[in-house]
Amino acid sequence: MSPKRTRSNPNRNGSIALVDCVFPEEIMLCILTRLPVKSILRFKSVCKPWDELFSTREFMKMHQVQYSSDPKNQSFIIHNSAEYMSLFEIESDETKPTILEYPHPKTRNMEIVGSCNGLICLGRPHLGPGNIVLWNPAMKLFKFVRPSPTDKPIPKPKIQ
């Protein structure tokens, strides 16, 4: 008996449903939301319904909640040089760090300004607005953030 094929079927709320699966949808979602981002990117090509599912906001939110709640998935970054950074997994037996190369030559001299849920904000705060990049190293995506058209210097507070 060969496994049944999956196909996408929009629910009433517009989300993608996996129908005709070998496993119930809840089990499939539970398994898929626990996968690392690199695996999800690789599995997008398994079938069109998975590609559609992985692109929905609902799946992205479920994956982020599930993946970030697991203490094994926590890591920290050390800014080594103008060429690369090192990513260390906190709950890992692996002593060798993952090397993260800067996403673009213009970002090489930028500092890590902050990070949240796997996104890294790079910038040159001392140079003012227009020097900010949002970077997702897991997906190898980055975006230069344009300065706000209403961006004005913040006046220094007066202490009396």
N, C-alpha and C. Protein backbone atom coordinates (compact mmCIF):
# COMPACT_ATOMS: atom_id res chain seq x y z
N MET A 1 0.84 -1.18 0.00
CA MET A 1 0.00 0.00 0.00
C MET A 1 0.88 1.24 0.00
N SER A 2 0.74 2.06 -0.98
CA SER A 2 1.57 3.27 -1.07
C SER A 2 0.94 4.39 -0.25
N PRO A 3 1.78 5.29 0.31
CA PRO A 3 1.22 6.39 1.09
C PRO A 3 0.41 7.32 0.21
N LYS A 4 -0.61 7.88 0.81
CA LYS A 4 -1.46 8.82 0.08
C LYS A 4 -0.72 10.12 -0.13
N ARG A 5 -1.02 10.79 -1.21
CA ARG A 5 -0.41 12.08 -1.50
C ARG A 5 -1.12 13.15 -0.71
N THR A 6 -0.41 14.22 -0.45
CA THR A 6 -1.03 15.36 0.24
C THR A 6 -1.45 16.38 -0.80
N ARG A 7 -2.44 17.14 -0.48
CA ARG A 7 -2.83 18.26 -1.32
C ARG A 7 -3.29 19.38 -0.41
N SER A 8 -3.20 20.58 -0.91
CA SER A 8 -3.60 21.71 -0.08
C SER A 8 -5.07 21.98 -0.28
N ASN A 9 -5.67 22.43 0.79
CA ASN A 9 -7.08 22.74 0.78
C ASN A 9 -7.30 23.89 1.76
N PRO A 10 -7.72 25.05 1.30
CA PRO A 10 -7.89 26.16 2.23
C PRO A 10 -9.02 25.88 3.22
N ASN A 11 -8.76 26.17 4.50
CA ASN A 11 -9.79 26.11 5.53
C ASN A 11 -10.69 27.32 5.41
N ARG A 12 -11.72 27.35 6.25
CA ARG A 12 -12.61 28.51 6.27
C ARG A 12 -11.86 29.78 6.63
N ASN A 13 -10.87 29.67 7.50
CA ASN A 13 -10.13 30.85 7.92
C ASN A 13 -8.98 31.20 6.98
N GLY A 14 -8.86 30.47 5.86
CA GLY A 14 -7.84 30.80 4.87
C GLY A 14 -6.52 30.10 5.06
N SER A 15 -6.33 29.36 6.18
CA SER A 15 -5.06 28.67 6.38
C SER A 15 -5.03 27.41 5.52
N ILE A 16 -3.84 26.89 5.32
CA ILE A 16 -3.66 25.72 4.47
C ILE A 16 -3.85 24.46 5.30
N ALA A 17 -4.64 23.54 4.81
CA ALA A 17 -4.85 22.27 5.50
C ALA A 17 -4.17 21.17 4.70
N LEU A 18 -3.57 20.23 5.41
CA LEU A 18 -3.00 19.06 4.75
C LEU A 18 -4.04 17.95 4.83
N VAL A 19 -4.58 17.57 3.69
CA VAL A 19 -5.61 16.54 3.68
C VAL A 19 -5.06 15.29 3.00
N ASP A 20 -5.72 14.19 3.26
CA ASP A 20 -5.32 12.90 2.70
C ASP A 20 -3.90 12.51 3.11
N CYS A 21 -3.48 12.87 4.30
CA CYS A 21 -2.15 12.51 4.78
C CYS A 21 -2.19 11.14 5.44
N VAL A 22 -1.03 10.52 5.53
CA VAL A 22 -0.92 9.27 6.24
C VAL A 22 -1.13 9.53 7.73
N PHE A 23 -0.64 10.66 8.23
CA PHE A 23 -0.79 11.05 9.62
C PHE A 23 -1.86 12.13 9.75
N PRO A 24 -2.50 12.21 10.91
CA PRO A 24 -3.44 13.32 11.12
C PRO A 24 -2.71 14.66 11.04
N GLU A 25 -3.44 15.69 10.64
CA GLU A 25 -2.85 17.02 10.45
C GLU A 25 -2.16 17.52 11.72
N GLU A 26 -2.76 17.28 12.89
CA GLU A 26 -2.17 17.76 14.14
C GLU A 26 -0.79 17.16 14.38
N ILE A 27 -0.65 15.87 14.06
CA ILE A 27 0.64 15.20 14.26
C ILE A 27 1.67 15.73 13.26
N MET A 28 1.24 15.90 12.02
CA MET A 28 2.15 16.45 11.00
C MET A 28 2.64 17.84 11.42
N LEU A 29 1.73 18.70 11.87
CA LEU A 29 2.12 20.04 12.28
C LEU A 29 3.05 20.00 13.49
N CYS A 30 2.76 19.10 14.43
CA CYS A 30 3.62 18.97 15.61
C CYS A 30 5.04 18.58 15.20
N ILE A 31 5.16 17.66 14.27
CA ILE A 31 6.48 17.23 13.79
C ILE A 31 7.17 18.36 13.03
N LEU A 32 6.46 18.95 12.08
CA LEU A 32 7.07 19.96 11.21
C LEU A 32 7.48 21.22 11.96
N THR A 33 6.72 21.61 12.98
CA THR A 33 7.08 22.83 13.72
C THR A 33 8.31 22.63 14.61
N ARG A 34 8.73 21.39 14.82
CA ARG A 34 9.92 21.13 15.64
C ARG A 34 11.20 21.08 14.82
N LEU A 35 11.08 21.16 13.52
CA LEU A 35 12.26 21.07 12.65
C LEU A 35 13.07 22.35 12.67
N PRO A 36 14.38 22.25 12.51
CA PRO A 36 15.20 23.46 12.36
C PRO A 36 14.86 24.17 11.05
N VAL A 37 15.14 25.46 11.01
CA VAL A 37 14.82 26.27 9.83
C VAL A 37 15.48 25.71 8.58
N LYS A 38 16.73 25.27 8.69
CA LYS A 38 17.42 24.73 7.51
C LYS A 38 16.68 23.53 6.93
N SER A 39 16.14 22.67 7.79
CA SER A 39 15.39 21.51 7.30
C SER A 39 14.10 21.95 6.64
N ILE A 40 13.42 22.92 7.23
CA ILE A 40 12.17 23.41 6.64
C ILE A 40 12.44 23.98 5.25
N LEU A 41 13.51 24.74 5.11
CA LEU A 41 13.85 25.29 3.79
C LEU A 41 14.11 24.18 2.78
N ARG A 42 14.76 23.12 3.23
CA ARG A 42 15.05 21.99 2.34
C ARG A 42 13.77 21.24 1.99
N PHE A 43 12.84 21.12 2.96
CA PHE A 43 11.62 20.34 2.76
C PHE A 43 10.54 21.09 2.00
N LYS A 44 10.76 22.37 1.73
CA LYS A 44 9.77 23.12 0.94
C LYS A 44 9.59 22.50 -0.44
N SER A 45 10.61 21.82 -0.92
CA SER A 45 10.55 21.23 -2.26
C SER A 45 9.96 19.82 -2.26
N VAL A 46 9.56 19.29 -1.10
CA VAL A 46 8.99 17.94 -1.05
C VAL A 46 7.69 17.89 -1.84
N CYS A 47 6.82 18.84 -1.60
CA CYS A 47 5.55 18.90 -2.34
C CYS A 47 4.98 20.31 -2.21
N LYS A 48 4.11 20.64 -3.13
CA LYS A 48 3.53 21.99 -3.16
C LYS A 48 2.77 22.33 -1.87
N PRO A 49 1.98 21.40 -1.29
CA PRO A 49 1.29 21.74 -0.04
C PRO A 49 2.25 22.10 1.09
N TRP A 50 3.40 21.43 1.18
CA TRP A 50 4.35 21.78 2.23
C TRP A 50 4.94 23.16 1.96
N ASP A 51 5.25 23.45 0.72
CA ASP A 51 5.77 24.77 0.37
C ASP A 51 4.75 25.84 0.76
N GLU A 52 3.48 25.61 0.45
CA GLU A 52 2.42 26.56 0.81
C GLU A 52 2.27 26.67 2.32
N LEU A 53 2.30 25.53 3.01
CA LEU A 53 2.17 25.53 4.47
C LEU A 53 3.29 26.31 5.13
N PHE A 54 4.54 26.05 4.72
CA PHE A 54 5.69 26.70 5.33
C PHE A 54 5.69 28.21 5.10
N SER A 55 4.93 28.67 4.11
CA SER A 55 4.88 30.10 3.79
C SER A 55 3.77 30.85 4.51
N THR A 56 2.91 30.13 5.24
CA THR A 56 1.81 30.80 5.92
C THR A 56 2.28 31.44 7.23
N ARG A 57 1.64 32.54 7.59
CA ARG A 57 1.96 33.21 8.86
C ARG A 57 1.67 32.30 10.04
N GLU A 58 0.59 31.51 9.94
CA GLU A 58 0.21 30.62 11.04
C GLU A 58 1.32 29.62 11.33
N PHE A 59 1.86 29.00 10.27
CA PHE A 59 2.93 28.03 10.47
C PHE A 59 4.18 28.71 11.02
N MET A 60 4.53 29.86 10.46
CA MET A 60 5.72 30.57 10.93
C MET A 60 5.61 30.90 12.41
N LYS A 61 4.44 31.33 12.83
CA LYS A 61 4.24 31.67 14.25
C LYS A 61 4.32 30.41 15.11
N MET A 62 3.65 29.33 14.67
CA MET A 62 3.70 28.07 15.42
C MET A 62 5.14 27.56 15.53
N HIS A 63 5.89 27.63 14.44
CA HIS A 63 7.27 27.17 14.44
C HIS A 63 8.12 28.01 15.39
N GLN A 64 7.95 29.32 15.34
CA GLN A 64 8.74 30.21 16.20
C GLN A 64 8.47 29.92 17.67
N VAL A 65 7.19 29.75 18.03
CA VAL A 65 6.83 29.47 19.43
C VAL A 65 7.40 28.12 19.85
N GLN A 66 7.19 27.10 19.04
CA GLN A 66 7.65 25.75 19.36
C GLN A 66 9.17 25.67 19.44
N TYR A 67 9.83 26.21 18.44
CA TYR A 67 11.28 26.09 18.35
C TYR A 67 11.99 26.90 19.42
N SER A 68 11.50 28.10 19.70
CA SER A 68 12.19 28.95 20.68
C SER A 68 11.90 28.53 22.11
N SER A 69 10.85 27.74 22.35
CA SER A 69 10.55 27.31 23.71
C SER A 69 11.44 26.15 24.15
N ASP A 70 12.13 25.53 23.23
CA ASP A 70 13.02 24.42 23.55
C ASP A 70 14.40 24.97 23.93
N PRO A 71 14.85 24.72 25.18
CA PRO A 71 16.15 25.27 25.61
C PRO A 71 17.32 24.78 24.77
N LYS A 72 17.17 23.66 24.07
CA LYS A 72 18.25 23.15 23.23
C LYS A 72 18.51 24.05 22.02
N ASN A 73 17.54 24.89 21.70
CA ASN A 73 17.66 25.73 20.51
C ASN A 73 18.16 27.13 20.83
N GLN A 74 18.74 27.32 21.98
CA GLN A 74 19.25 28.63 22.33
C GLN A 74 20.74 28.71 22.00
N SER A 75 21.16 29.87 21.57
CA SER A 75 22.55 30.06 21.19
C SER A 75 22.97 31.49 21.45
N PHE A 76 24.26 31.73 21.33
CA PHE A 76 24.75 33.10 21.46
C PHE A 76 25.81 33.34 20.40
N ILE A 77 26.01 34.61 20.10
CA ILE A 77 26.93 35.01 19.03
C ILE A 77 28.11 35.75 19.63
N ILE A 78 29.28 35.45 19.13
CA ILE A 78 30.47 36.22 19.48
C ILE A 78 30.94 36.93 18.23
N HIS A 79 31.11 38.23 18.34
CA HIS A 79 31.55 39.06 17.21
C HIS A 79 33.06 38.95 17.15
N ASN A 80 33.57 38.18 16.20
CA ASN A 80 35.01 37.90 16.13
C ASN A 80 35.80 38.97 15.40
N SER A 81 35.32 39.34 14.24
CA SER A 81 36.11 40.24 13.40
C SER A 81 35.20 40.93 12.41
N ALA A 82 35.81 41.69 11.52
CA ALA A 82 35.04 42.35 10.47
C ALA A 82 34.63 41.36 9.39
N GLU A 83 35.13 40.13 9.46
CA GLU A 83 34.84 39.13 8.43
C GLU A 83 33.69 38.20 8.82
N TYR A 84 33.61 37.82 10.09
CA TYR A 84 32.62 36.82 10.49
C TYR A 84 32.30 36.91 11.97
N MET A 85 31.26 36.16 12.38
CA MET A 85 30.88 35.99 13.78
C MET A 85 30.82 34.50 14.05
N SER A 86 30.88 34.12 15.32
CA SER A 86 30.75 32.71 15.70
C SER A 86 29.45 32.51 16.45
N LEU A 87 28.72 31.47 16.08
CA LEU A 87 27.46 31.12 16.73
C LEU A 87 27.69 29.87 17.56
N PHE A 88 27.44 29.95 18.86
CA PHE A 88 27.60 28.82 19.77
C PHE A 88 26.24 28.35 20.24
N GLU A 89 25.99 27.04 20.16
CA GLU A 89 24.75 26.46 20.68
C GLU A 89 24.96 26.24 22.18
N ILE A 90 24.01 26.66 23.00
CA ILE A 90 24.15 26.56 24.45
C ILE A 90 24.06 25.12 24.92
N GLU A 91 23.06 24.37 24.47
CA GLU A 91 22.84 23.00 24.92
C GLU A 91 23.37 22.00 23.89
N SER A 92 24.62 22.13 23.51
CA SER A 92 25.16 21.25 22.48
C SER A 92 26.48 20.66 22.93
N ASP A 93 26.73 19.43 22.49
CA ASP A 93 28.02 18.80 22.76
C ASP A 93 29.07 19.28 21.78
N GLU A 94 28.62 19.93 20.73
CA GLU A 94 29.52 20.45 19.70
C GLU A 94 30.30 21.64 20.26
N THR A 95 31.62 21.53 20.27
CA THR A 95 32.45 22.62 20.79
C THR A 95 32.86 23.59 19.69
N LYS A 96 32.71 23.15 18.46
CA LYS A 96 33.09 23.99 17.34
C LYS A 96 31.93 24.93 16.99
N PRO A 97 32.18 26.22 16.91
CA PRO A 97 31.08 27.14 16.59
C PRO A 97 30.72 27.10 15.11
N THR A 98 29.52 27.58 14.82
CA THR A 98 29.10 27.79 13.44
C THR A 98 29.58 29.18 13.04
N ILE A 99 30.25 29.27 11.92
CA ILE A 99 30.75 30.57 11.45
C ILE A 99 29.66 31.26 10.64
N LEU A 100 29.34 32.48 11.02
CA LEU A 100 28.37 33.29 10.29
C LEU A 100 29.12 34.39 9.56
N GLU A 101 29.11 34.31 8.26
CA GLU A 101 29.74 35.38 7.48
C GLU A 101 28.73 36.49 7.29
N TYR A 102 29.21 37.71 7.26
CA TYR A 102 28.32 38.85 7.06
C TYR A 102 27.56 38.69 5.75
N PRO A 103 26.30 39.14 5.71
CA PRO A 103 25.48 38.89 4.54
C PRO A 103 25.83 39.71 3.30
N HIS A 104 26.56 40.80 3.47
CA HIS A 104 26.85 41.70 2.35
C HIS A 104 28.15 42.43 2.67
N PRO A 105 28.96 42.74 1.67
CA PRO A 105 30.22 43.45 1.94
C PRO A 105 30.02 44.77 2.70
N LYS A 106 28.91 45.47 2.45
CA LYS A 106 28.67 46.74 3.15
C LYS A 106 28.37 46.56 4.64
N THR A 107 28.09 45.33 5.06
CA THR A 107 27.76 45.09 6.48
C THR A 107 28.96 44.66 7.30
N ARG A 108 30.11 44.50 6.68
CA ARG A 108 31.26 43.93 7.38
C ARG A 108 31.74 44.76 8.57
N ASN A 109 31.62 46.05 8.52
CA ASN A 109 32.09 46.87 9.63
C ASN A 109 30.96 47.27 10.57
N MET A 110 29.82 46.63 10.44
CA MET A 110 28.69 46.95 11.31
C MET A 110 28.78 46.19 12.62
N GLU A 111 28.15 46.74 13.62
CA GLU A 111 28.10 46.11 14.94
C GLU A 111 26.75 45.42 15.11
N ILE A 112 26.71 44.44 16.01
CA ILE A 112 25.43 43.85 16.38
C ILE A 112 24.77 44.84 17.33
N VAL A 113 23.63 45.38 16.90
CA VAL A 113 22.90 46.34 17.72
C VAL A 113 21.92 45.61 18.62
N GLY A 114 21.38 44.50 18.15
CA GLY A 114 20.44 43.72 18.93
C GLY A 114 20.04 42.46 18.19
N SER A 115 19.31 41.58 18.89
CA SER A 115 18.80 40.38 18.24
C SER A 115 17.53 39.94 18.94
N CYS A 116 16.68 39.24 18.20
CA CYS A 116 15.43 38.75 18.76
C CYS A 116 14.92 37.62 17.87
N ASN A 117 14.65 36.47 18.49
CA ASN A 117 14.06 35.33 17.78
C ASN A 117 14.80 34.96 16.50
N GLY A 118 16.10 34.98 16.54
CA GLY A 118 16.90 34.56 15.39
C GLY A 118 17.23 35.66 14.41
N LEU A 119 16.60 36.82 14.55
CA LEU A 119 16.93 37.96 13.68
C LEU A 119 18.02 38.78 14.34
N ILE A 120 18.93 39.29 13.54
CA ILE A 120 20.03 40.11 14.06
C ILE A 120 19.93 41.49 13.43
N CYS A 121 20.04 42.50 14.27
CA CYS A 121 20.05 43.88 13.79
C CYS A 121 21.50 44.36 13.79
N LEU A 122 21.98 44.71 12.62
CA LEU A 122 23.33 45.25 12.47
C LEU A 122 23.22 46.74 12.21
N GLY A 123 24.20 47.48 12.69
CA GLY A 123 24.13 48.92 12.43
C GLY A 123 25.42 49.63 12.77
N ARG A 124 25.42 50.89 12.42
CA ARG A 124 26.50 51.82 12.78
C ARG A 124 25.82 53.00 13.46
N PRO A 125 25.45 52.82 14.73
CA PRO A 125 24.67 53.85 15.40
C PRO A 125 25.35 55.22 15.42
N HIS A 126 26.66 55.23 15.45
CA HIS A 126 27.38 56.51 15.50
C HIS A 126 27.28 57.29 14.19
N LEU A 127 26.86 56.62 13.10
CA LEU A 127 26.74 57.31 11.81
C LEU A 127 25.33 57.81 11.55
N GLY A 128 24.41 57.56 12.47
CA GLY A 128 23.05 58.06 12.33
C GLY A 128 22.15 57.13 11.54
N PRO A 129 20.96 57.64 11.16
CA PRO A 129 19.99 56.80 10.47
C PRO A 129 20.48 56.37 9.09
N GLY A 130 19.91 55.28 8.61
CA GLY A 130 20.27 54.79 7.28
C GLY A 130 21.38 53.77 7.30
N ASN A 131 21.83 53.41 8.46
CA ASN A 131 22.91 52.43 8.58
C ASN A 131 22.46 51.23 9.40
N ILE A 132 21.29 50.69 9.05
CA ILE A 132 20.72 49.57 9.79
C ILE A 132 20.38 48.44 8.81
N VAL A 133 20.69 47.21 9.23
CA VAL A 133 20.38 46.03 8.43
C VAL A 133 19.72 45.00 9.33
N LEU A 134 18.60 44.42 8.88
CA LEU A 134 17.99 43.29 9.56
C LEU A 134 18.44 42.04 8.82
N TRP A 135 18.91 41.04 9.59
CA TRP A 135 19.52 39.86 9.00
C TRP A 135 18.95 38.61 9.63
N ASN A 136 18.56 37.65 8.81
CA ASN A 136 18.13 36.34 9.27
C ASN A 136 19.18 35.34 8.78
N PRO A 137 20.17 35.00 9.63
CA PRO A 137 21.25 34.11 9.18
C PRO A 137 20.76 32.71 8.83
N ALA A 138 19.72 32.22 9.48
CA ALA A 138 19.24 30.86 9.19
C ALA A 138 18.69 30.77 7.78
N MET A 139 18.02 31.81 7.33
CA MET A 139 17.45 31.80 5.98
C MET A 139 18.35 32.50 4.96
N LYS A 140 19.46 33.04 5.45
CA LYS A 140 20.41 33.76 4.60
C LYS A 140 19.74 34.93 3.86
N LEU A 141 18.91 35.67 4.60
CA LEU A 141 18.23 36.84 4.06
C LEU A 141 18.61 38.07 4.87
N PHE A 142 18.69 39.20 4.21
CA PHE A 142 18.96 40.46 4.91
C PHE A 142 18.26 41.58 4.18
N LYS A 143 18.06 42.67 4.89
CA LYS A 143 17.40 43.83 4.28
C LYS A 143 17.97 45.09 4.90
N PHE A 144 18.40 46.00 4.03
CA PHE A 144 18.82 47.32 4.50
C PHE A 144 17.57 48.10 4.85
N VAL A 145 17.56 48.72 6.01
CA VAL A 145 16.40 49.49 6.46
C VAL A 145 16.61 50.94 6.05
N ARG A 146 15.64 51.45 5.32
CA ARG A 146 15.72 52.85 4.90
C ARG A 146 15.46 53.77 6.08
N PRO A 147 16.10 54.93 6.08
CA PRO A 147 15.81 55.87 7.17
C PRO A 147 14.37 56.36 7.07
N SER A 148 13.80 56.64 8.19
CA SER A 148 12.44 57.16 8.23
C SER A 148 12.42 58.57 7.64
N PRO A 149 11.40 58.90 6.84
CA PRO A 149 11.33 60.25 6.29
C PRO A 149 11.09 61.30 7.37
N THR A 150 10.58 60.87 8.50
CA THR A 150 10.33 61.81 9.60
C THR A 150 11.41 61.73 10.66
N ASP A 151 12.48 61.03 10.36
CA ASP A 151 13.54 60.84 11.35
C ASP A 151 14.21 62.17 11.67
N LYS A 152 14.10 62.55 12.90
CA LYS A 152 14.74 63.78 13.37
C LYS A 152 15.63 63.41 14.55
N PRO A 153 16.68 64.14 14.75
CA PRO A 153 17.52 63.86 15.91
C PRO A 153 16.71 64.03 17.20
N ILE A 154 16.94 63.12 18.12
CA ILE A 154 16.26 63.21 19.41
C ILE A 154 17.03 64.19 20.28
N PRO A 155 16.33 65.22 20.79
CA PRO A 155 17.04 66.18 21.63
C PRO A 155 17.47 65.53 22.94
N LYS A 156 18.60 65.98 23.45
CA LYS A 156 19.08 65.46 24.72
C LYS A 156 18.13 65.94 25.82
N PRO A 157 17.82 65.04 26.76
CA PRO A 157 16.91 65.46 27.84
C PRO A 157 17.58 66.50 28.74
N LYS A 158 16.77 67.42 29.21
CA LYS A 158 17.27 68.44 30.13
C LYS A 158 17.01 67.98 31.55
N ILE A 159 18.06 67.93 32.32
CA ILE A 159 17.93 67.53 33.72
C ILE A 159 18.01 68.78 34.57
N GLN A 160 16.99 68.97 35.37
CA GLN A 160 16.96 70.17 36.23
C GLN A 160 17.07 69.80 37.67
